Amino acid sequence: MIVYVVAGGADVQPEALADLPPPDLTIAADSGADLAERLGLEVDILIGDLDSISATGLERAKTVGTEIRAYPPAKDATDLELAMDAAIDARATDILVIGGSGGRLDHHLANVGLLASRKYAAAKITWTTGAVRAYIVRGTRHVPTIPGQIVSIIPTAGTARGVHLRGLRWPLAGAKLRAGTTRGISNEATGSEAAITVSDGTLLVVVGAE
């Protein structure tokens, strides 16, 4: 099942989704419903404390019969985490996270750790903030690239071992990438696809960094 999780905080344009398969389910995290409207996406579930969605967006959700899961502001998880949990509960195999990168630095950093969490390991996760697309890699993933595009490889959960990179200007074979180092930053795509493998650990692969 392909699930779109739409968050606020990024000016994503419709063309950023043009090459992606359509969703089976769309979940909006609070003001993500406003972004979904701008992208022409029909929201199935609206989730969060509803403190940042526009009044017109909330009224629209009620009018069209969107399932609304409202939480109190004093909660132990962000709206994006609630939306990700809902996607996993729906047995998502592929989760595309849209937005969630603008505004507060603490939210942005927390979102990186959130999407790389092992509790979402059952799904293949892709994150788009517009021109930039990121991929959570466990095992092997083949990611689309454009020759000359910047590709950065970042370990997210301690040391990543057995890292193999193909389709990049500086390949690796069985390398070790330690968390807190910058060895994987600013590689460069050489073709239309890069193959990324990690045998132990989790990688965040950022394509098209600006």
Protein backbone atom coordinates (compact mmCIF):
# COMPACT_ATOMS: atom_id res chain seq x y z
CA MET A 1 0.00 0.00 0.00
CA ILE A 2 1.31 3.43 -0.99
CA VAL A 3 0.60 6.09 1.61
CA TYR A 4 1.24 9.81 1.25
CA VAL A 5 1.91 11.60 4.55
CA VAL A 6 1.59 15.34 4.00
CA ALA A 7 3.13 17.71 6.53
CA GLY A 8 3.33 21.48 6.55
CA GLY A 9 6.44 23.59 6.48
CA ALA A 10 7.58 23.38 2.86
CA ASP A 11 6.60 25.03 -0.41
CA VAL A 12 6.22 21.86 -2.46
CA GLN A 13 4.95 22.30 -6.02
CA PRO A 14 2.78 19.73 -7.87
CA GLU A 15 5.57 18.93 -10.34
CA ALA A 16 7.62 17.46 -7.46
CA LEU A 17 5.15 14.55 -7.39
CA ALA A 18 4.78 14.08 -11.14
CA ASP A 19 6.95 10.95 -11.38
CA LEU A 20 5.51 9.24 -8.30
CA PRO A 21 2.82 6.55 -8.18
CA PRO A 22 -0.59 7.71 -6.93
CA PRO A 23 -1.43 7.00 -3.28
CA ASP A 24 -3.81 4.39 -1.94
CA LEU A 25 -4.23 6.53 1.17
CA THR A 26 -3.38 10.15 2.00
CA ILE A 27 -2.83 11.27 5.60
CA ALA A 28 -2.41 14.96 6.46
CA ALA A 29 -0.57 16.04 9.60
CA ASP A 30 -2.43 19.18 10.73
CA SER A 31 -1.53 22.02 8.31
CA GLY A 32 -0.40 19.38 5.84
CA ALA A 33 -4.06 19.41 4.79
CA ASP A 34 -3.55 22.91 3.38
CA LEU A 35 -0.51 21.74 1.42
CA ALA A 36 -2.46 18.71 0.19
CA GLU A 37 -5.16 21.03 -1.12
CA ARG A 38 -2.58 23.07 -3.06
CA LEU A 39 -1.18 19.83 -4.51
CA GLY A 40 -4.60 18.57 -5.56
CA LEU A 41 -4.51 15.63 -3.14
CA GLU A 42 -7.66 14.32 -1.51
CA VAL A 43 -7.03 13.76 2.20
CA ASP A 44 -8.44 10.56 3.71
CA ILE A 45 -7.28 11.16 7.28
CA LEU A 46 -6.49 14.45 9.03
CA ILE A 47 -4.54 13.94 12.23
CA GLY A 48 -3.01 16.18 14.90
CA ASP A 49 -3.89 18.85 17.42
CA LEU A 50 -5.25 21.04 14.60
CA ASP A 51 -3.49 24.18 15.82
CA SER A 52 -1.88 25.13 12.51
CA ILE A 53 -4.38 24.10 9.83
CA SER A 54 -6.24 27.06 8.33
CA ALA A 55 -9.86 27.63 9.30
CA THR A 56 -10.89 27.07 5.68
CA GLY A 57 -8.83 23.88 5.52
CA LEU A 58 -10.48 22.47 8.62
CA GLU A 59 -13.94 23.41 7.38
CA ARG A 60 -13.19 21.82 4.02
CA ALA A 61 -12.14 18.57 5.74
CA LYS A 62 -15.38 18.49 7.70
CA THR A 63 -17.45 19.27 4.61
CA VAL A 64 -16.02 16.51 2.42
CA GLY A 65 -16.16 13.89 5.17
CA THR A 66 -12.43 13.49 5.85
CA GLU A 67 -11.76 11.29 8.86
CA ILE A 68 -10.49 13.66 11.56
CA ARG A 69 -8.39 12.33 14.43
CA ALA A 70 -7.99 15.25 16.82
CA TYR A 71 -5.47 15.21 19.68
CA PRO A 72 -4.94 17.62 22.57
CA PRO A 73 -2.03 20.08 22.23
CA ALA A 74 -0.36 18.55 25.31
CA LYS A 75 0.73 15.28 23.73
CA ASP A 76 3.90 13.20 23.59
CA ALA A 77 4.31 13.08 19.80
CA THR A 78 4.39 15.58 16.96
CA ASP A 79 1.63 15.60 14.39
CA LEU A 80 4.02 14.05 11.87
CA GLU A 81 4.79 11.16 14.21
CA LEU A 82 1.07 10.56 14.69
CA ALA A 83 0.62 10.54 10.92
CA MET A 84 3.53 8.13 10.41
CA ASP A 85 2.10 5.82 13.08
CA ALA A 86 -1.25 5.90 11.28
CA ALA A 87 0.45 5.00 8.00
CA ILE A 88 2.13 1.98 9.58
CA ASP A 89 -1.15 0.96 11.25
CA ALA A 90 -2.68 1.01 7.74
CA ARG A 91 0.04 -1.46 6.68
CA ALA A 92 1.84 0.89 4.34
CA THR A 93 4.59 -0.68 2.27
CA ASP A 94 5.70 2.65 0.79
CA ILE A 95 5.42 5.99 2.57
CA LEU A 96 6.02 9.27 0.77
CA VAL A 97 6.44 12.13 3.21
CA ILE A 98 5.70 15.50 1.62
CA GLY A 99 6.86 18.71 3.30
CA GLY A 100 7.99 18.89 6.91
CA SER A 101 11.27 20.73 6.34
CA GLY A 102 10.54 24.43 6.81
CA GLY A 103 10.15 26.66 9.82
CA ARG A 104 11.63 25.44 13.09
CA LEU A 105 15.09 23.88 13.16
CA ASP A 106 14.18 21.62 16.07
CA HIS A 107 11.26 20.15 14.12
CA HIS A 108 13.43 19.64 11.04
CA LEU A 109 16.14 17.80 12.97
CA ALA A 110 13.58 15.75 14.86
CA ASN A 111 11.91 14.76 11.57
CA VAL A 112 15.18 13.31 10.26
CA GLY A 113 15.47 11.07 13.30
CA LEU A 114 11.78 10.24 13.20
CA LEU A 115 11.74 9.02 9.60
CA ALA A 116 14.82 6.90 10.21
CA SER A 117 13.27 5.27 13.29
CA ARG A 118 13.21 1.48 13.32
CA LYS A 119 9.51 1.49 14.15
CA TYR A 120 8.90 2.45 10.51
CA ALA A 121 11.32 -0.11 9.08
CA ALA A 122 8.46 -2.16 7.59
CA ALA A 123 7.89 0.56 4.97
CA LYS A 124 10.08 2.05 2.27
CA ILE A 125 10.26 5.76 3.11
CA THR A 126 10.84 8.62 0.69
CA TRP A 127 10.78 12.27 1.76
CA THR A 128 10.31 15.18 -0.63
CA THR A 129 10.56 18.85 0.24
CA GLY A 130 10.23 20.02 -3.34
CA ALA A 131 13.41 20.01 -5.41
CA VAL A 132 15.15 17.87 -2.80
CA ARG A 133 14.26 14.23 -2.25
CA ALA A 134 15.57 11.97 0.50
CA TYR A 135 15.45 8.22 0.99
CA ILE A 136 15.77 6.07 4.10
CA VAL A 137 17.98 3.12 3.18
CA ARG A 138 18.17 -0.21 4.95
CA GLY A 139 19.59 -2.97 2.82
CA THR A 140 19.59 -1.81 -0.81
CA ARG A 141 17.71 0.94 -2.62
CA HIS A 142 17.98 2.20 -6.17
CA VAL A 143 17.27 5.92 -6.30
CA PRO A 144 16.66 8.04 -9.42
CA THR A 145 19.26 10.69 -10.15
CA ILE A 146 20.31 13.19 -12.80
CA PRO A 147 23.96 13.25 -13.92
CA GLY A 148 25.83 15.90 -11.94
CA GLN A 149 23.24 16.00 -9.16
CA ILE A 150 24.53 16.21 -5.58
CA VAL A 151 23.93 13.05 -3.55
CA SER A 152 24.79 12.93 0.16
CA ILE A 153 24.94 9.77 2.25
CA ILE A 154 24.37 10.27 5.98
CA PRO A 155 24.37 7.54 8.66
CA THR A 156 21.47 8.12 11.06
CA ALA A 157 21.70 5.42 13.70
CA GLY A 158 25.30 5.03 14.74
CA THR A 159 27.97 3.59 12.48
CA ALA A 160 26.79 2.24 9.12
CA ARG A 161 28.77 -0.79 7.94
CA GLY A 162 29.04 -2.52 4.60
CA VAL A 163 28.21 0.60 2.59
CA HIS A 164 28.32 0.15 -1.17
CA LEU A 165 27.72 3.05 -3.56
CA ARG A 166 27.32 2.65 -7.31
CA GLY A 167 26.33 5.21 -9.91
CA LEU A 168 28.19 7.96 -8.07
CA ARG A 169 31.43 9.79 -8.85
CA TRP A 170 33.05 8.44 -5.68
CA PRO A 171 31.90 4.82 -5.22
CA LEU A 172 32.36 2.82 -2.05
CA ALA A 173 32.63 -0.94 -1.51
CA GLY A 174 32.09 -2.35 1.96
CA ALA A 175 32.90 0.96 3.62
CA LYS A 176 32.20 2.05 7.19
CA LEU A 177 30.53 5.43 7.71
CA ARG A 178 30.62 6.69 11.26
CA ALA A 179 27.84 8.89 12.61
CA GLY A 180 29.07 12.42 13.18
CA THR A 181 31.48 12.43 10.23
CA THR A 182 30.99 14.04 6.82
CA ARG A 183 32.62 11.53 4.50
CA GLY A 184 29.40 10.87 2.60
CA ILE A 185 28.48 14.50 1.95
CA SER A 186 28.39 15.97 -1.58
CA ASN A 187 28.93 12.96 -3.78
CA GLU A 188 27.82 13.32 -7.40
CA ALA A 189 25.51 11.27 -9.60
CA THR A 190 26.97 9.92 -12.82
CA GLY A 191 23.80 8.52 -14.40
CA SER A 192 20.06 8.10 -14.05
CA GLU A 193 20.21 5.86 -10.98
CA ALA A 194 22.34 5.30 -7.90
CA ALA A 195 22.45 1.99 -6.04
CA ILE A 196 22.92 2.35 -2.29
CA THR A 197 23.54 -0.62 0.00
CA VAL A 198 24.14 -0.84 3.74
CA SER A 199 24.51 -4.21 5.46
CA ASP A 200 24.29 -2.91 9.03
CA GLY A 201 22.74 0.42 9.94
CA THR A 202 20.49 3.05 8.40
CA LEU A 203 21.32 5.73 5.85
CA LEU A 204 19.62 8.95 4.85
CA VAL A 205 20.33 9.56 1.17
CA VAL A 206 19.66 13.14 0.08
CA VAL A 207 19.40 13.77 -3.65
CA GLY A 208 19.46 17.26 -5.16
CA ALA A 209 20.69 19.07 -2.05
CA GLU A 210 20.44 22.84 -2.38
